[in-house]
Amino acid sequence: MVVAVAEESRGAEHARPFIEQAKSAYWQLIDTEHRLSDLYNLVNVPQAIWIDEQGRIVRPPETAGSTDHFRRMDLATRTLSPQDQAERLAARQAYLDAIRAWVTTGAHALPTDSVRANLPRVTPEIAEARTRFRLGVWLRAHDRADEGDRQMAEASRLHPDSWSMWRQARDLEEVGKASGLDFWKRVQALGDRPYYPPPKL
């Protein structure tokens, strides 16, 4: 089964319109405290974890069907070239096909040792970043926005790979800010590094 989880610090009502619009046949949960990120070391969306019937992770967190084609988007029109659009859709389909192959034949499942070796490590800096992020959300919810913003900025400094934390902090400051100019500057600063590392299928 597929379970989708929206990480939304602003509360369930902010995620609900997107969930209702999708009209999915699978479960869609809302994680207002980012517990899933903490448990599985997720840093961006969409990421996926494959878990078998025995509860074992058979593929560690990876980009789930998204690509970096969006980085070539025409920002004035918010459009992709036909070639980029086709390649983006092909990558998404390839990931869905891989999931179907795993369900029906066991393909693409990794041995336990390989999964363990590829699980993201939680450093002391990442642990502190998570704590500061959670504190920042709490402070903002209790009318202490400036203190909260400082905690979340420090969280992003400590864990710069977490786009999820950074975007949530920006959206708490101002709705939609996480998809604006600050976002594109941060993406451009990646240089040759991927925003969506492709899965190794």
N, C-alpha and C. Protein backbone atom coordinates (compact mmCIF):
# COMPACT_ATOMS: atom_id res chain seq x y z
N MET A 1 0.84 -1.18 0.00
CA MET A 1 0.00 0.00 0.00
C MET A 1 0.88 1.24 0.00
N VAL A 2 0.31 2.33 -0.50
CA VAL A 2 1.01 3.61 -0.52
C VAL A 2 0.45 4.47 0.61
N VAL A 3 1.35 5.09 1.37
CA VAL A 3 0.94 6.06 2.39
C VAL A 3 1.71 7.35 2.11
N ALA A 4 0.99 8.42 1.86
CA ALA A 4 1.62 9.72 1.65
C ALA A 4 1.51 10.52 2.94
N VAL A 5 2.58 11.26 3.25
CA VAL A 5 2.58 12.05 4.48
C VAL A 5 2.96 13.49 4.14
N ALA A 6 2.09 14.41 4.45
CA ALA A 6 2.38 15.84 4.26
C ALA A 6 2.97 16.37 5.56
N GLU A 7 4.13 17.00 5.46
CA GLU A 7 4.75 17.62 6.63
C GLU A 7 4.36 19.10 6.62
N GLU A 8 3.55 19.49 7.57
CA GLU A 8 2.99 20.84 7.55
C GLU A 8 2.92 21.41 8.96
N SER A 9 3.90 22.27 9.28
CA SER A 9 3.96 22.85 10.62
C SER A 9 2.80 23.80 10.91
N ARG A 10 2.17 24.33 9.86
CA ARG A 10 1.09 25.29 10.07
C ARG A 10 -0.23 24.63 10.43
N GLY A 11 -0.26 23.30 10.39
CA GLY A 11 -1.48 22.60 10.79
C GLY A 11 -2.15 21.91 9.62
N ALA A 12 -3.06 21.02 9.96
CA ALA A 12 -3.71 20.16 8.98
C ALA A 12 -4.47 20.96 7.92
N GLU A 13 -5.08 22.07 8.31
CA GLU A 13 -5.92 22.81 7.36
C GLU A 13 -5.12 23.39 6.20
N HIS A 14 -3.82 23.60 6.39
CA HIS A 14 -2.99 24.11 5.30
C HIS A 14 -2.69 23.03 4.27
N ALA A 15 -2.66 21.78 4.71
CA ALA A 15 -2.39 20.67 3.79
C ALA A 15 -3.65 20.12 3.15
N ARG A 16 -4.78 20.29 3.82
CA ARG A 16 -6.01 19.66 3.38
C ARG A 16 -6.42 19.98 1.94
N PRO A 17 -6.33 21.24 1.46
CA PRO A 17 -6.76 21.51 0.07
C PRO A 17 -6.00 20.70 -0.96
N PHE A 18 -4.69 20.51 -0.74
CA PHE A 18 -3.89 19.74 -1.70
C PHE A 18 -4.28 18.26 -1.65
N ILE A 19 -4.55 17.78 -0.46
CA ILE A 19 -4.95 16.38 -0.31
C ILE A 19 -6.31 16.13 -0.96
N GLU A 20 -7.24 17.04 -0.73
CA GLU A 20 -8.57 16.87 -1.32
C GLU A 20 -8.52 17.00 -2.84
N GLN A 21 -7.68 17.89 -3.34
CA GLN A 21 -7.56 18.07 -4.79
C GLN A 21 -7.01 16.81 -5.46
N ALA A 22 -6.12 16.11 -4.78
CA ALA A 22 -5.50 14.90 -5.35
C ALA A 22 -6.51 13.76 -5.52
N LYS A 23 -7.52 13.71 -4.64
CA LYS A 23 -8.55 12.66 -4.71
C LYS A 23 -7.91 11.26 -4.82
N SER A 24 -6.92 11.02 -4.00
CA SER A 24 -6.18 9.77 -4.09
C SER A 24 -6.96 8.61 -3.49
N ALA A 25 -6.59 7.41 -3.92
CA ALA A 25 -7.19 6.20 -3.38
C ALA A 25 -6.33 5.66 -2.23
N TYR A 26 -5.18 6.28 -1.98
CA TYR A 26 -4.28 5.82 -0.91
C TYR A 26 -4.36 6.76 0.29
N TRP A 27 -3.83 6.29 1.40
CA TRP A 27 -3.84 7.08 2.63
C TRP A 27 -3.00 8.34 2.46
N GLN A 28 -3.50 9.45 2.98
CA GLN A 28 -2.72 10.69 3.04
C GLN A 28 -2.80 11.21 4.47
N LEU A 29 -1.68 11.20 5.13
CA LEU A 29 -1.59 11.62 6.52
C LEU A 29 -0.95 13.01 6.61
N ILE A 30 -1.13 13.67 7.73
CA ILE A 30 -0.56 15.00 7.94
C ILE A 30 0.29 14.96 9.20
N ASP A 31 1.55 15.31 9.04
CA ASP A 31 2.53 15.28 10.13
C ASP A 31 2.89 16.71 10.49
N THR A 32 2.24 17.25 11.50
CA THR A 32 2.49 18.65 11.86
C THR A 32 3.76 18.82 12.68
N GLU A 33 4.32 17.72 13.18
CA GLU A 33 5.52 17.80 14.02
C GLU A 33 6.77 17.25 13.34
N HIS A 34 6.67 16.89 12.08
CA HIS A 34 7.82 16.40 11.31
C HIS A 34 8.46 15.15 11.93
N ARG A 35 7.63 14.32 12.53
CA ARG A 35 8.16 13.10 13.14
C ARG A 35 8.72 12.14 12.09
N LEU A 36 8.10 12.10 10.92
CA LEU A 36 8.58 11.21 9.87
C LEU A 36 10.00 11.59 9.44
N SER A 37 10.27 12.88 9.30
CA SER A 37 11.62 13.32 8.96
C SER A 37 12.61 12.89 10.02
N ASP A 38 12.22 13.02 11.28
CA ASP A 38 13.12 12.62 12.36
C ASP A 38 13.37 11.12 12.34
N LEU A 39 12.33 10.32 12.10
CA LEU A 39 12.49 8.86 12.13
C LEU A 39 13.32 8.33 10.97
N TYR A 40 13.12 8.90 9.78
CA TYR A 40 13.75 8.34 8.59
C TYR A 40 14.80 9.27 7.96
N ASN A 41 15.09 10.38 8.61
CA ASN A 41 16.10 11.32 8.12
C ASN A 41 15.76 11.86 6.73
N LEU A 42 14.53 12.28 6.56
CA LEU A 42 14.10 12.86 5.29
C LEU A 42 14.51 14.33 5.26
N VAL A 43 14.89 14.80 4.07
CA VAL A 43 15.35 16.19 3.96
C VAL A 43 14.61 16.98 2.89
N ASN A 44 13.76 16.33 2.10
CA ASN A 44 13.08 17.03 1.02
C ASN A 44 11.79 16.29 0.69
N VAL A 45 10.99 16.86 -0.17
CA VAL A 45 9.80 16.18 -0.67
C VAL A 45 9.80 16.30 -2.20
N PRO A 46 9.37 15.27 -2.91
CA PRO A 46 8.94 13.98 -2.36
C PRO A 46 10.13 13.04 -2.15
N GLN A 47 10.15 12.40 -1.01
CA GLN A 47 11.07 11.30 -0.76
C GLN A 47 10.24 10.08 -0.40
N ALA A 48 10.79 8.90 -0.67
CA ALA A 48 10.06 7.67 -0.39
C ALA A 48 10.95 6.69 0.35
N ILE A 49 10.31 5.84 1.15
CA ILE A 49 10.97 4.72 1.80
C ILE A 49 10.15 3.49 1.46
N TRP A 50 10.82 2.43 1.02
CA TRP A 50 10.11 1.19 0.73
C TRP A 50 10.25 0.27 1.94
N ILE A 51 9.12 -0.22 2.44
CA ILE A 51 9.10 -1.08 3.62
C ILE A 51 8.32 -2.35 3.27
N ASP A 52 8.93 -3.51 3.55
CA ASP A 52 8.26 -4.76 3.15
C ASP A 52 7.23 -5.22 4.20
N GLU A 53 6.64 -6.39 3.93
CA GLU A 53 5.55 -6.88 4.78
C GLU A 53 6.01 -7.18 6.21
N GLN A 54 7.32 -7.40 6.39
CA GLN A 54 7.85 -7.68 7.72
C GLN A 54 8.28 -6.40 8.45
N GLY A 55 8.04 -5.26 7.81
CA GLY A 55 8.42 -4.00 8.44
C GLY A 55 9.88 -3.63 8.25
N ARG A 56 10.57 -4.30 7.32
CA ARG A 56 11.97 -4.00 7.06
C ARG A 56 12.09 -2.99 5.93
N ILE A 57 12.97 -2.02 6.10
CA ILE A 57 13.24 -1.06 5.03
C ILE A 57 14.04 -1.78 3.95
N VAL A 58 13.53 -1.77 2.72
CA VAL A 58 14.25 -2.42 1.62
C VAL A 58 14.85 -1.40 0.65
N ARG A 59 14.44 -0.14 0.78
CA ARG A 59 15.13 0.95 0.10
C ARG A 59 15.11 2.15 1.05
N PRO A 60 16.29 2.71 1.34
CA PRO A 60 16.33 3.85 2.25
C PRO A 60 15.76 5.10 1.57
N PRO A 61 15.62 6.19 2.30
CA PRO A 61 15.02 7.40 1.72
C PRO A 61 15.69 7.81 0.42
N GLU A 62 14.86 8.11 -0.58
CA GLU A 62 15.38 8.54 -1.88
C GLU A 62 14.34 9.43 -2.55
N THR A 63 14.79 10.20 -3.53
CA THR A 63 13.88 11.03 -4.31
C THR A 63 12.88 10.14 -5.01
N ALA A 64 11.61 10.50 -4.92
CA ALA A 64 10.55 9.65 -5.45
C ALA A 64 9.97 10.23 -6.73
N GLY A 65 10.65 10.03 -7.83
CA GLY A 65 10.09 10.39 -9.13
C GLY A 65 10.23 11.83 -9.55
N SER A 66 10.84 12.68 -8.75
CA SER A 66 11.05 14.08 -9.16
C SER A 66 12.46 14.25 -9.71
N THR A 67 12.65 15.27 -10.50
CA THR A 67 13.93 15.51 -11.15
C THR A 67 14.32 16.98 -11.05
N ASP A 68 15.53 17.27 -11.47
CA ASP A 68 16.02 18.65 -11.45
C ASP A 68 15.66 19.43 -12.72
N HIS A 69 14.80 18.89 -13.55
CA HIS A 69 14.40 19.62 -14.76
C HIS A 69 13.78 20.98 -14.42
N PHE A 70 13.14 21.07 -13.24
CA PHE A 70 12.50 22.33 -12.87
C PHE A 70 13.50 23.48 -12.78
N ARG A 71 14.78 23.15 -12.62
CA ARG A 71 15.79 24.20 -12.49
C ARG A 71 15.99 24.96 -13.80
N ARG A 72 15.50 24.39 -14.90
CA ARG A 72 15.58 25.09 -16.19
C ARG A 72 14.26 25.75 -16.55
N MET A 73 13.38 25.85 -15.59
CA MET A 73 12.08 26.46 -15.82
C MET A 73 12.22 27.93 -16.21
N ASP A 74 11.34 28.37 -17.11
CA ASP A 74 11.21 29.79 -17.41
C ASP A 74 10.43 30.41 -16.26
N LEU A 75 11.11 31.20 -15.44
CA LEU A 75 10.46 31.72 -14.23
C LEU A 75 9.37 32.73 -14.54
N ALA A 76 9.45 33.38 -15.69
CA ALA A 76 8.42 34.35 -16.04
C ALA A 76 7.10 33.65 -16.37
N THR A 77 7.18 32.52 -17.07
CA THR A 77 5.96 31.80 -17.47
C THR A 77 5.69 30.55 -16.63
N ARG A 78 6.68 30.17 -15.81
CA ARG A 78 6.58 28.96 -14.99
C ARG A 78 6.35 27.72 -15.85
N THR A 79 7.05 27.66 -16.97
CA THR A 79 6.89 26.52 -17.89
C THR A 79 8.24 25.87 -18.16
N LEU A 80 8.17 24.59 -18.52
CA LEU A 80 9.33 23.82 -18.95
C LEU A 80 9.29 23.63 -20.45
N SER A 81 10.44 23.39 -21.04
CA SER A 81 10.46 23.07 -22.46
C SER A 81 9.78 21.72 -22.65
N PRO A 82 9.25 21.45 -23.85
CA PRO A 82 8.62 20.14 -24.09
C PRO A 82 9.55 18.97 -23.78
N GLN A 83 10.84 19.12 -24.10
CA GLN A 83 11.78 18.03 -23.83
C GLN A 83 11.96 17.81 -22.33
N ASP A 84 12.14 18.90 -21.58
CA ASP A 84 12.29 18.76 -20.13
C ASP A 84 11.02 18.17 -19.51
N GLN A 85 9.88 18.61 -19.98
CA GLN A 85 8.61 18.09 -19.47
C GLN A 85 8.50 16.59 -19.74
N ALA A 86 8.86 16.17 -20.95
CA ALA A 86 8.78 14.75 -21.30
C ALA A 86 9.76 13.93 -20.45
N GLU A 87 10.97 14.43 -20.26
CA GLU A 87 11.96 13.70 -19.47
C GLU A 87 11.55 13.62 -17.99
N ARG A 88 10.96 14.69 -17.50
CA ARG A 88 10.47 14.70 -16.12
C ARG A 88 9.37 13.65 -15.92
N LEU A 89 8.42 13.60 -16.86
CA LEU A 89 7.34 12.62 -16.77
C LEU A 89 7.86 11.20 -16.93
N ALA A 90 8.87 11.01 -17.80
CA ALA A 90 9.46 9.68 -17.99
C ALA A 90 10.15 9.20 -16.71
N ALA A 91 10.83 10.10 -16.02
CA ALA A 91 11.49 9.73 -14.76
C ALA A 91 10.47 9.34 -13.71
N ARG A 92 9.37 10.08 -13.65
CA ARG A 92 8.30 9.76 -12.69
C ARG A 92 7.72 8.38 -13.00
N GLN A 93 7.47 8.12 -14.29
CA GLN A 93 6.91 6.83 -14.68
C GLN A 93 7.88 5.69 -14.38
N ALA A 94 9.17 5.93 -14.60
CA ALA A 94 10.18 4.90 -14.32
C ALA A 94 10.18 4.54 -12.83
N TYR A 95 9.99 5.55 -11.99
CA TYR A 95 9.98 5.26 -10.54
C TYR A 95 8.73 4.47 -10.16
N LEU A 96 7.59 4.86 -10.72
CA LEU A 96 6.36 4.11 -10.45
C LEU A 96 6.48 2.67 -10.95
N ASP A 97 7.09 2.49 -12.13
CA ASP A 97 7.28 1.14 -12.67
C ASP A 97 8.19 0.32 -11.75
N ALA A 98 9.20 0.96 -11.18
CA ALA A 98 10.11 0.25 -10.27
C ALA A 98 9.36 -0.21 -9.02
N ILE A 99 8.48 0.63 -8.51
CA ILE A 99 7.69 0.22 -7.34
C ILE A 99 6.80 -0.96 -7.68
N ARG A 100 6.15 -0.90 -8.84
CA ARG A 100 5.29 -2.02 -9.25
C ARG A 100 6.10 -3.30 -9.41
N ALA A 101 7.31 -3.19 -9.96
CA ALA A 101 8.17 -4.37 -10.14
C ALA A 101 8.56 -4.95 -8.78
N TRP A 102 8.84 -4.08 -7.81
CA TRP A 102 9.18 -4.56 -6.47
C TRP A 102 8.00 -5.31 -5.86
N VAL A 103 6.80 -4.75 -5.99
CA VAL A 103 5.61 -5.37 -5.39
C VAL A 103 5.35 -6.74 -6.03
N THR A 104 5.53 -6.85 -7.33
CA THR A 104 5.16 -8.09 -8.02
C THR A 104 6.29 -9.11 -8.09
N THR A 105 7.55 -8.65 -8.11
CA THR A 105 8.67 -9.59 -8.30
C THR A 105 9.77 -9.46 -7.26
N GLY A 106 9.73 -8.42 -6.44
CA GLY A 106 10.81 -8.21 -5.48
C GLY A 106 11.99 -7.45 -6.05
N ALA A 107 11.89 -7.03 -7.31
CA ALA A 107 12.99 -6.28 -7.94
C ALA A 107 13.26 -4.99 -7.19
N HIS A 108 14.51 -4.56 -7.24
CA HIS A 108 14.97 -3.27 -6.68
C HIS A 108 15.08 -3.25 -5.16
N ALA A 109 14.65 -4.32 -4.47
CA ALA A 109 14.85 -4.37 -3.02
C ALA A 109 16.33 -4.58 -2.74
N LEU A 110 16.85 -3.90 -1.75
CA LEU A 110 18.27 -3.98 -1.42
C LEU A 110 18.48 -4.91 -0.23
N PRO A 111 19.65 -5.57 -0.17
CA PRO A 111 19.96 -6.40 1.00
C PRO A 111 20.04 -5.53 2.26
N THR A 112 19.79 -6.14 3.40
CA THR A 112 19.76 -5.40 4.67
C THR A 112 21.05 -4.63 4.90
N ASP A 113 22.21 -5.23 4.63
CA ASP A 113 23.49 -4.55 4.87
C ASP A 113 23.61 -3.30 4.01
N SER A 114 23.13 -3.39 2.76
CA SER A 114 23.20 -2.24 1.86
C SER A 114 22.27 -1.13 2.32
N VAL A 115 21.08 -1.52 2.77
CA VAL A 115 20.13 -0.52 3.29
C VAL A 115 20.75 0.19 4.48
N ARG A 116 21.29 -0.60 5.41
CA ARG A 116 21.88 -0.02 6.62
C ARG A 116 23.02 0.94 6.27
N ALA A 117 23.84 0.55 5.31
CA ALA A 117 24.98 1.39 4.92
C ALA A 117 24.54 2.69 4.27
N ASN A 118 23.35 2.68 3.65
CA ASN A 118 22.89 3.86 2.91
C ASN A 118 21.87 4.71 3.67
N LEU A 119 21.55 4.32 4.89
CA LEU A 119 20.65 5.15 5.69
C LEU A 119 21.39 6.43 6.09
N PRO A 120 20.75 7.58 5.94
CA PRO A 120 21.41 8.82 6.35
C PRO A 120 21.74 8.81 7.84
N ARG A 121 22.93 9.29 8.17
CA ARG A 121 23.38 9.33 9.56
C ARG A 121 22.91 10.60 10.26
N VAL A 122 22.54 10.46 11.52
CA VAL A 122 22.15 11.62 12.32
C VAL A 122 23.37 12.07 13.12
N THR A 123 23.90 13.22 12.76
CA THR A 123 25.04 13.80 13.46
C THR A 123 24.53 14.62 14.65
N PRO A 124 25.42 14.99 15.57
CA PRO A 124 24.99 15.88 16.66
C PRO A 124 24.41 17.19 16.13
N GLU A 125 24.95 17.69 15.01
CA GLU A 125 24.43 18.93 14.43
C GLU A 125 23.00 18.75 13.92
N ILE A 126 22.72 17.63 13.29
CA ILE A 126 21.37 17.36 12.80
C ILE A 126 20.40 17.21 13.97
N ALA A 127 20.82 16.52 15.02
CA ALA A 127 19.96 16.36 16.20
C ALA A 127 19.64 17.72 16.81
N GLU A 128 20.66 18.58 16.90
CA GLU A 128 20.42 19.92 17.46
C GLU A 128 19.52 20.74 16.53
N ALA A 129 19.72 20.60 15.22
CA ALA A 129 18.90 21.33 14.25
C ALA A 129 17.43 20.96 14.41
N ARG A 130 17.14 19.68 14.57
CA ARG A 130 15.75 19.24 14.74
C ARG A 130 15.14 19.86 16.00
N THR A 131 15.92 19.88 17.07
CA THR A 131 15.43 20.44 18.33
C THR A 131 15.15 21.93 18.18
N ARG A 132 16.07 22.64 17.54
CA ARG A 132 15.90 24.08 17.36
C ARG A 132 14.70 24.38 16.44
N PHE A 133 14.54 23.55 15.41
CA PHE A 133 13.40 23.75 14.51
C PHE A 133 12.09 23.58 15.27
N ARG A 134 12.00 22.52 16.05
CA ARG A 134 10.78 22.25 16.83
C ARG A 134 10.51 23.39 17.82
N LEU A 135 11.58 23.88 18.46
CA LEU A 135 11.44 24.99 19.39
C LEU A 135 10.98 26.25 18.64
N GLY A 136 11.53 26.46 17.44
CA GLY A 136 11.14 27.63 16.66
C GLY A 136 9.66 27.61 16.30
N VAL A 137 9.17 26.45 15.91
CA VAL A 137 7.74 26.31 15.58
C VAL A 137 6.91 26.61 16.83
N TRP A 138 7.32 26.08 17.98
CA TRP A 138 6.59 26.29 19.22
C TRP A 138 6.58 27.79 19.58
N LEU A 139 7.73 28.44 19.48
CA LEU A 139 7.81 29.86 19.81
C LEU A 139 6.90 30.69 18.91
N ARG A 140 6.89 30.37 17.62
CA ARG A 140 6.02 31.12 16.70
C ARG A 140 4.55 30.92 17.06
N ALA A 141 4.20 29.70 17.45
CA ALA A 141 2.81 29.41 17.80
C ALA A 141 2.40 30.10 19.10
N HIS A 142 3.38 30.58 19.86
CA HIS A 142 3.10 31.24 21.14
C HIS A 142 3.51 32.72 21.09
N ASP A 143 3.31 33.32 19.92
CA ASP A 143 3.48 34.77 19.73
C ASP A 143 4.89 35.27 20.04
N ARG A 144 5.88 34.44 19.73
CA ARG A 144 7.27 34.85 19.91
C ARG A 144 8.00 34.60 18.59
N ALA A 145 7.50 35.26 17.54
CA ALA A 145 7.95 34.99 16.18
C ALA A 145 9.44 35.28 15.98
N ASP A 146 9.93 36.38 16.52
CA ASP A 146 11.34 36.73 16.31
C ASP A 146 12.27 35.66 16.90
N GLU A 147 11.94 35.22 18.12
CA GLU A 147 12.74 34.16 18.74
C GLU A 147 12.64 32.87 17.93
N GLY A 148 11.43 32.56 17.49
CA GLY A 148 11.22 31.36 16.70
C GLY A 148 12.01 31.38 15.40
N ASP A 149 11.99 32.53 14.72
CA ASP A 149 12.72 32.65 13.46
C ASP A 149 14.22 32.47 13.67
N ARG A 150 14.74 33.00 14.78
CA ARG A 150 16.17 32.83 15.06
C ARG A 150 16.51 31.36 15.28
N GLN A 151 15.64 30.65 15.99
CA GLN A 151 15.88 29.21 16.21
C GLN A 151 15.85 28.44 14.90
N MET A 152 14.89 28.77 14.04
CA MET A 152 14.78 28.04 12.76
C MET A 152 15.92 28.39 11.81
N ALA A 153 16.40 29.63 11.86
CA ALA A 153 17.55 30.00 11.04
C ALA A 153 18.78 29.22 11.49
N GLU A 154 18.93 29.05 12.80
CA GLU A 154 20.05 28.27 13.31
C GLU A 154 19.89 26.80 12.94
N ALA A 155 18.67 26.31 12.94
CA ALA A 155 18.42 24.92 12.52
C ALA A 155 18.88 24.71 11.08
N SER A 156 18.57 25.66 10.19
CA SER A 156 18.99 25.54 8.79
C SER A 156 20.50 25.65 8.65
N ARG A 157 21.12 26.46 9.49
CA ARG A 157 22.58 26.57 9.43
C ARG A 157 23.23 25.24 9.85
N LEU A 158 22.67 24.62 10.88
CA LEU A 158 23.22 23.36 11.37
C LEU A 158 22.96 22.19 10.43
N HIS A 159 21.83 22.25 9.73
CA HIS A 159 21.45 21.15 8.82
C HIS A 159 21.06 21.73 7.46
N PRO A 160 22.05 22.24 6.71
CA PRO A 160 21.73 22.92 5.45
C PRO A 160 21.15 22.00 4.38
N ASP A 161 21.31 20.69 4.52
CA ASP A 161 20.74 19.76 3.52
C ASP A 161 19.24 19.58 3.67
N SER A 162 18.67 20.04 4.78
CA SER A 162 17.23 19.85 5.00
C SER A 162 16.44 20.98 4.34
N TRP A 163 16.02 20.72 3.13
CA TRP A 163 15.15 21.67 2.44
C TRP A 163 13.78 21.75 3.11
N SER A 164 13.35 20.64 3.70
CA SER A 164 12.05 20.63 4.36
C SER A 164 12.01 21.63 5.51
N MET A 165 13.04 21.61 6.35
CA MET A 165 13.09 22.55 7.47
C MET A 165 13.14 23.99 6.96
N TRP A 166 13.97 24.21 5.96
CA TRP A 166 14.13 25.57 5.43
C TRP A 166 12.81 26.08 4.85
N ARG A 167 12.13 25.24 4.05
CA ARG A 167 10.88 25.68 3.43
C ARG A 167 9.79 25.92 4.47
N GLN A 168 9.70 25.03 5.46
CA GLN A 168 8.68 25.22 6.49
C GLN A 168 8.92 26.52 7.26
N ALA A 169 10.18 26.80 7.55
CA ALA A 169 10.49 28.05 8.25
C ALA A 169 10.06 29.26 7.42
N ARG A 170 10.34 29.22 6.12
CA ARG A 170 9.96 30.34 5.25
C ARG A 170 8.44 30.48 5.14
N ASP A 171 7.75 29.35 5.06
CA ASP A 171 6.29 29.42 4.96
C ASP A 171 5.65 29.90 6.26
N LEU A 172 6.29 29.61 7.38
CA LEU A 172 5.76 30.12 8.65
C LEU A 172 5.95 31.63 8.74
N GLU A 173 7.07 32.11 8.17
CA GLU A 173 7.31 33.56 8.16
C GLU A 173 6.29 34.28 7.29
N GLU A 174 6.07 33.70 6.10
CA GLU A 174 5.18 34.36 5.14
C GLU A 174 4.70 33.31 4.15
N VAL A 175 3.40 33.12 4.04
CA VAL A 175 2.85 32.09 3.17
C VAL A 175 3.36 32.27 1.75
N GLY A 176 3.87 31.18 1.18
CA GLY A 176 4.34 31.20 -0.20
C GLY A 176 5.77 31.64 -0.37
N LYS A 177 6.41 32.14 0.69
CA LYS A 177 7.77 32.64 0.55
C LYS A 177 8.75 31.54 0.17
N ALA A 178 8.47 30.30 0.59
CA ALA A 178 9.38 29.20 0.32
C ALA A 178 9.47 28.86 -1.15
N SER A 179 8.56 29.32 -1.96
CA SER A 179 8.64 29.05 -3.40
C SER A 179 9.03 30.30 -4.18
N GLY A 180 9.41 31.35 -3.50
CA GLY A 180 9.73 32.61 -4.15
C GLY A 180 11.20 32.80 -4.44
N LEU A 181 11.62 34.07 -4.44
CA LEU A 181 12.98 34.43 -4.84
C LEU A 181 14.03 33.79 -3.95
N ASP A 182 13.78 33.73 -2.63
CA ASP A 182 14.75 33.12 -1.72
C ASP A 182 15.01 31.66 -2.09
N PHE A 183 13.94 30.96 -2.45
CA PHE A 183 14.07 29.56 -2.85
C PHE A 183 14.97 29.43 -4.08
N TRP A 184 14.69 30.23 -5.10
CA TRP A 184 15.46 30.11 -6.33
C TRP A 184 16.92 30.50 -6.13
N LYS A 185 17.19 31.46 -5.27
CA LYS A 185 18.58 31.81 -4.96
C LYS A 185 19.28 30.64 -4.28
N ARG A 186 18.56 29.99 -3.38
CA ARG A 186 19.16 28.85 -2.67
C ARG A 186 19.41 27.68 -3.61
N VAL A 187 18.49 27.45 -4.53
CA VAL A 187 18.67 26.38 -5.52
C VAL A 187 19.86 26.70 -6.42
N GLN A 188 19.96 27.93 -6.90
CA GLN A 188 21.08 28.32 -7.76
C GLN A 188 22.41 28.17 -7.05
N ALA A 189 22.42 28.41 -5.74
CA ALA A 189 23.65 28.29 -4.96
C ALA A 189 24.17 26.84 -4.89
N LEU A 190 23.32 25.88 -5.26
CA LEU A 190 23.76 24.48 -5.28
C LEU A 190 24.83 24.24 -6.34
N GLY A 191 24.86 25.08 -7.37
CA GLY A 191 25.81 24.85 -8.45
C GLY A 191 25.51 23.55 -9.16
N ASP A 192 26.51 22.65 -9.22
CA ASP A 192 26.34 21.37 -9.90
C ASP A 192 25.70 20.30 -9.00
N ARG A 193 25.53 20.59 -7.73
CA ARG A 193 24.93 19.60 -6.84
C ARG A 193 23.44 19.50 -7.11
N PRO A 194 22.88 18.28 -7.05
CA PRO A 194 21.45 18.13 -7.35
C PRO A 194 20.55 18.61 -6.22
N TYR A 195 19.42 19.13 -6.60
CA TYR A 195 18.36 19.41 -5.63
C TYR A 195 17.61 18.10 -5.34
N TYR A 196 17.33 17.34 -6.40
CA TYR A 196 16.73 16.02 -6.28
C TYR A 196 17.74 14.97 -6.73
N PRO A 197 18.54 14.41 -5.82
CA PRO A 197 19.46 13.34 -6.24
C PRO A 197 18.66 12.18 -6.84
N PRO A 198 19.01 11.73 -8.03
CA PRO A 198 18.22 10.65 -8.66
C PRO A 198 18.39 9.34 -7.88
N PRO A 199 17.31 8.56 -7.79
CA PRO A 199 17.42 7.26 -7.12
C PRO A 199 18.30 6.32 -7.92
N LYS A 200 18.98 5.42 -7.23
CA LYS A 200 19.88 4.46 -7.90
C LYS A 200 19.13 3.15 -8.08
N LEU A 201 18.32 3.11 -9.12
CA LEU A 201 17.50 1.91 -9.38
C LEU A 201 18.23 0.97 -10.33
